[in-house]
Amino acid sequence: MGRTRGAGAGLVMMTLALAGCVDPSARIASSLERYGFAPGQSQCVGERLEKNLSLGQLQQLGRAARATREGDTTPGRLTIGDFVRVAGQVKDPKVPFEVTKAAAGCGIVTSAPAVL
């Protein structure tokens, strides 16, 4: 449970960084790198999420992350499983679908729950 909450920190930072909208994929990638993802994989995920999700959907992802993050005193390392679980809290089914698809397409292995 603490790992999922820790995932929220990176996603919140990612969404706050997106507020400037200068280069969302680069900002997503740098946030993911800070939480332990390989640079190439981070860039790949960032590019795919920027291409396939709207800014509004990315903001929803950030809000879900913030809600998960509240009260967490041990942020820990972000795993792709954490990232997918947080994405699954967004009511828009496209968000967890695209996060899972980006992770798989970028070679990041996960045992994520099925996205319906």
C-alpha atoms as a PDB file:
ATOM      1  CA  MET A   1       0.000   0.000   0.000  1.00  0.00           C
ATOM      2  CA  GLY A   2       2.847   2.392   0.753  1.00  0.00           C
ATOM      3  CA  ARG A   3       4.269   1.764  -2.730  1.00  0.00           C
ATOM      4  CA  THR A   4       1.015   2.818  -4.354  1.00  0.00           C
ATOM      5  CA  ARG A   5       0.987   5.954  -2.283  1.00  0.00           C
ATOM      6  CA  GLY A   6       4.601   6.556  -3.271  1.00  0.00           C
ATOM      7  CA  ALA A   7       3.567   6.317  -6.898  1.00  0.00           C
ATOM      8  CA  GLY A   8       1.315   9.257  -6.310  1.00  0.00           C
ATOM      9  CA  ALA A   9       4.222  11.586  -5.645  1.00  0.00           C
ATOM     10  CA  GLY A  10       5.687  11.087  -9.093  1.00  0.00           C
ATOM     11  CA  LEU A  11       2.360  11.337 -10.813  1.00  0.00           C
ATOM     12  CA  VAL A  12       1.459  14.512  -8.957  1.00  0.00           C
ATOM     13  CA  MET A  13       4.771  16.035  -9.954  1.00  0.00           C
ATOM     14  CA  MET A  14       4.210  14.902 -13.515  1.00  0.00           C
ATOM     15  CA  THR A  15       0.798  16.539 -13.669  1.00  0.00           C
ATOM     16  CA  LEU A  16       2.004  19.752 -12.072  1.00  0.00           C
ATOM     17  CA  ALA A  17       4.821  19.861 -14.596  1.00  0.00           C
ATOM     18  CA  LEU A  18       2.296  19.411 -17.385  1.00  0.00           C
ATOM     19  CA  ALA A  19       0.529  22.584 -16.339  1.00  0.00           C
ATOM     20  CA  GLY A  20       3.108  24.527 -18.361  1.00  0.00           C
ATOM     21  CA  CYS A  21       2.494  22.254 -21.389  1.00  0.00           C
ATOM     22  CA  VAL A  22       5.847  23.172 -22.928  1.00  0.00           C
ATOM     23  CA  ASP A  23       6.789  19.559 -23.707  1.00  0.00           C
ATOM     24  CA  PRO A  24       4.550  17.102 -21.856  1.00  0.00           C
ATOM     25  CA  SER A  25       6.357  13.950 -22.999  1.00  0.00           C
ATOM     26  CA  ALA A  26       9.735  15.233 -21.776  1.00  0.00           C
ATOM     27  CA  ARG A  27       8.242  16.287 -18.454  1.00  0.00           C
ATOM     28  CA  ILE A  28       6.524  12.925 -18.007  1.00  0.00           C
ATOM     29  CA  ALA A  29       9.791  11.166 -18.856  1.00  0.00           C
ATOM     30  CA  SER A  30      11.865  13.180 -16.378  1.00  0.00           C
ATOM     31  CA  SER A  31       9.308  12.504 -13.627  1.00  0.00           C
ATOM     32  CA  LEU A  32       9.400   8.778 -14.337  1.00  0.00           C
ATOM     33  CA  GLU A  33      13.215   8.770 -14.372  1.00  0.00           C
ATOM     34  CA  ARG A  34      13.279  10.350 -10.911  1.00  0.00           C
ATOM     35  CA  TYR A  35      11.244   7.382  -9.699  1.00  0.00           C
ATOM     36  CA  GLY A  36      13.566   4.721 -11.068  1.00  0.00           C
ATOM     37  CA  PHE A  37      12.498   4.087 -14.663  1.00  0.00           C
ATOM     38  CA  ALA A  38      15.238   3.739 -17.300  1.00  0.00           C
ATOM     39  CA  PRO A  39      15.630   6.898 -19.420  1.00  0.00           C
ATOM     40  CA  GLY A  40      14.684   5.208 -22.698  1.00  0.00           C
ATOM     41  CA  GLN A  41      11.600   3.613 -21.202  1.00  0.00           C
ATOM     42  CA  SER A  42      10.611   6.875 -19.506  1.00  0.00           C
ATOM     43  CA  GLN A  43      10.860   8.763 -22.775  1.00  0.00           C
ATOM     44  CA  CYS A  44       8.882   6.076 -24.579  1.00  0.00           C
ATOM     45  CA  VAL A  45       6.067   6.126 -21.983  1.00  0.00           C
ATOM     46  CA  GLY A  46       6.023   9.931 -21.981  1.00  0.00           C
ATOM     47  CA  GLU A  47       5.711  10.094 -25.749  1.00  0.00           C
ATOM     48  CA  ARG A  48       2.926   7.519 -25.852  1.00  0.00           C
ATOM     49  CA  LEU A  49       0.924   9.142 -23.055  1.00  0.00           C
ATOM     50  CA  GLU A  50       1.272  12.587 -24.618  1.00  0.00           C
ATOM     51  CA  LYS A  51       0.124  11.198 -27.966  1.00  0.00           C
ATOM     52  CA  ASN A  52      -2.808   9.168 -26.645  1.00  0.00           C
ATOM     53  CA  LEU A  53      -4.131  11.127 -23.653  1.00  0.00           C
ATOM     54  CA  SER A  54      -5.448  14.656 -23.517  1.00  0.00           C
ATOM     55  CA  LEU A  55      -4.155  17.168 -21.023  1.00  0.00           C
ATOM     56  CA  GLY A  56      -7.445  16.741 -19.156  1.00  0.00           C
ATOM     57  CA  GLN A  57      -6.892  12.996 -18.913  1.00  0.00           C
ATOM     58  CA  LEU A  58      -3.352  13.542 -17.657  1.00  0.00           C
ATOM     59  CA  GLN A  59      -4.758  15.941 -15.059  1.00  0.00           C
ATOM     60  CA  GLN A  60      -7.267  13.281 -13.966  1.00  0.00           C
ATOM     61  CA  LEU A  61      -4.347  10.907 -13.544  1.00  0.00           C
ATOM     62  CA  GLY A  62      -2.628  13.512 -11.375  1.00  0.00           C
ATOM     63  CA  ARG A  63      -5.714  13.996  -9.219  1.00  0.00           C
ATOM     64  CA  ALA A  64      -5.946  10.234  -8.660  1.00  0.00           C
ATOM     65  CA  ALA A  65      -2.279  10.234  -7.700  1.00  0.00           C
ATOM     66  CA  ARG A  66      -2.775  13.092  -5.238  1.00  0.00           C
ATOM     67  CA  ALA A  67      -5.683  11.263  -3.606  1.00  0.00           C
ATOM     68  CA  THR A  68      -3.540   8.149  -3.289  1.00  0.00           C
ATOM     69  CA  ARG A  69      -0.596  10.155  -1.994  1.00  0.00           C
ATOM     70  CA  GLU A  70      -2.434  11.889   0.882  1.00  0.00           C
ATOM     71  CA  GLY A  71      -1.067  10.891   4.249  1.00  0.00           C
ATOM     72  CA  ASP A  72       1.867   8.910   2.864  1.00  0.00           C
ATOM     73  CA  THR A  73       5.050   9.572   4.818  1.00  0.00           C
ATOM     74  CA  THR A  74       7.204   7.047   2.917  1.00  0.00           C
ATOM     75  CA  PRO A  75       7.058   7.787  -0.807  1.00  0.00           C
ATOM     76  CA  GLY A  76       9.367   4.962  -1.956  1.00  0.00           C
ATOM     77  CA  ARG A  77      10.190   3.963  -5.506  1.00  0.00           C
ATOM     78  CA  LEU A  78       7.575   4.063  -8.255  1.00  0.00           C
ATOM     79  CA  THR A  79       6.943   0.762 -10.013  1.00  0.00           C
ATOM     80  CA  ILE A  80       4.951   0.305 -13.185  1.00  0.00           C
ATOM     81  CA  GLY A  81       2.445  -1.699 -11.142  1.00  0.00           C
ATOM     82  CA  ASP A  82       1.961   1.332  -8.873  1.00  0.00           C
ATOM     83  CA  PHE A  83       1.555   3.562 -11.913  1.00  0.00           C
ATOM     84  CA  VAL A  84      -1.076   1.273 -13.459  1.00  0.00           C
ATOM     85  CA  ARG A  85      -2.971   0.930 -10.146  1.00  0.00           C
ATOM     86  CA  VAL A  86      -3.168   4.703  -9.751  1.00  0.00           C
ATOM     87  CA  ALA A  87      -4.279   5.043 -13.392  1.00  0.00           C
ATOM     88  CA  GLY A  88      -7.013   2.495 -12.648  1.00  0.00           C
ATOM     89  CA  GLN A  89      -8.528   4.922 -10.143  1.00  0.00           C
ATOM     90  CA  VAL A  90      -9.376   7.367 -12.944  1.00  0.00           C
ATOM     91  CA  LYS A  91     -13.004   7.049 -14.013  1.00  0.00           C
ATOM     92  CA  ASP A  92     -12.097   7.464 -17.693  1.00  0.00           C
ATOM     93  CA  PRO A  93     -11.320   3.900 -18.870  1.00  0.00           C
ATOM     94  CA  LYS A  94      -8.961   5.200 -21.538  1.00  0.00           C
ATOM     95  CA  VAL A  95      -6.433   6.376 -18.928  1.00  0.00           C
ATOM     96  CA  PRO A  96      -5.498   2.998 -17.377  1.00  0.00           C
ATOM     97  CA  PHE A  97      -5.742   1.396 -20.810  1.00  0.00           C
ATOM     98  CA  GLU A  98      -3.219   3.851 -22.293  1.00  0.00           C
ATOM     99  CA  VAL A  99      -0.886   3.638 -19.264  1.00  0.00           C
ATOM    100  CA  THR A 100      -0.872  -0.171 -19.525  1.00  0.00           C
ATOM    101  CA  LYS A 101      -0.469  -0.033 -23.310  1.00  0.00           C
ATOM    102  CA  ALA A 102       2.414   2.454 -23.009  1.00  0.00           C
ATOM    103  CA  ALA A 103       4.165   0.303 -20.417  1.00  0.00           C
ATOM    104  CA  ALA A 104       3.819  -2.829 -22.537  1.00  0.00           C
ATOM    105  CA  GLY A 105       4.806  -1.050 -25.737  1.00  0.00           C
ATOM    106  CA  CYS A 106       7.889   0.398 -24.065  1.00  0.00           C
ATOM    107  CA  GLY A 107       9.082  -2.950 -22.727  1.00  0.00           C
ATOM    108  CA  ILE A 108       8.188  -2.388 -19.088  1.00  0.00           C
ATOM    109  CA  VAL A 109       6.954  -5.666 -17.607  1.00  0.00           C
ATOM    110  CA  THR A 110       4.079  -5.543 -15.143  1.00  0.00           C
ATOM    111  CA  SER A 111       1.601  -7.860 -13.518  1.00  0.00           C
ATOM    112  CA  ALA A 112      -1.091  -5.200 -13.743  1.00  0.00           C
ATOM    113  CA  PRO A 113      -4.737  -6.068 -13.272  1.00  0.00           C
ATOM    114  CA  ALA A 114      -6.798  -6.408 -16.418  1.00  0.00           C
ATOM    115  CA  VAL A 115      -8.254  -3.160 -17.682  1.00  0.00           C
ATOM    116  CA  LEU A 116     -11.877  -3.438 -18.716  1.00  0.00           C
END
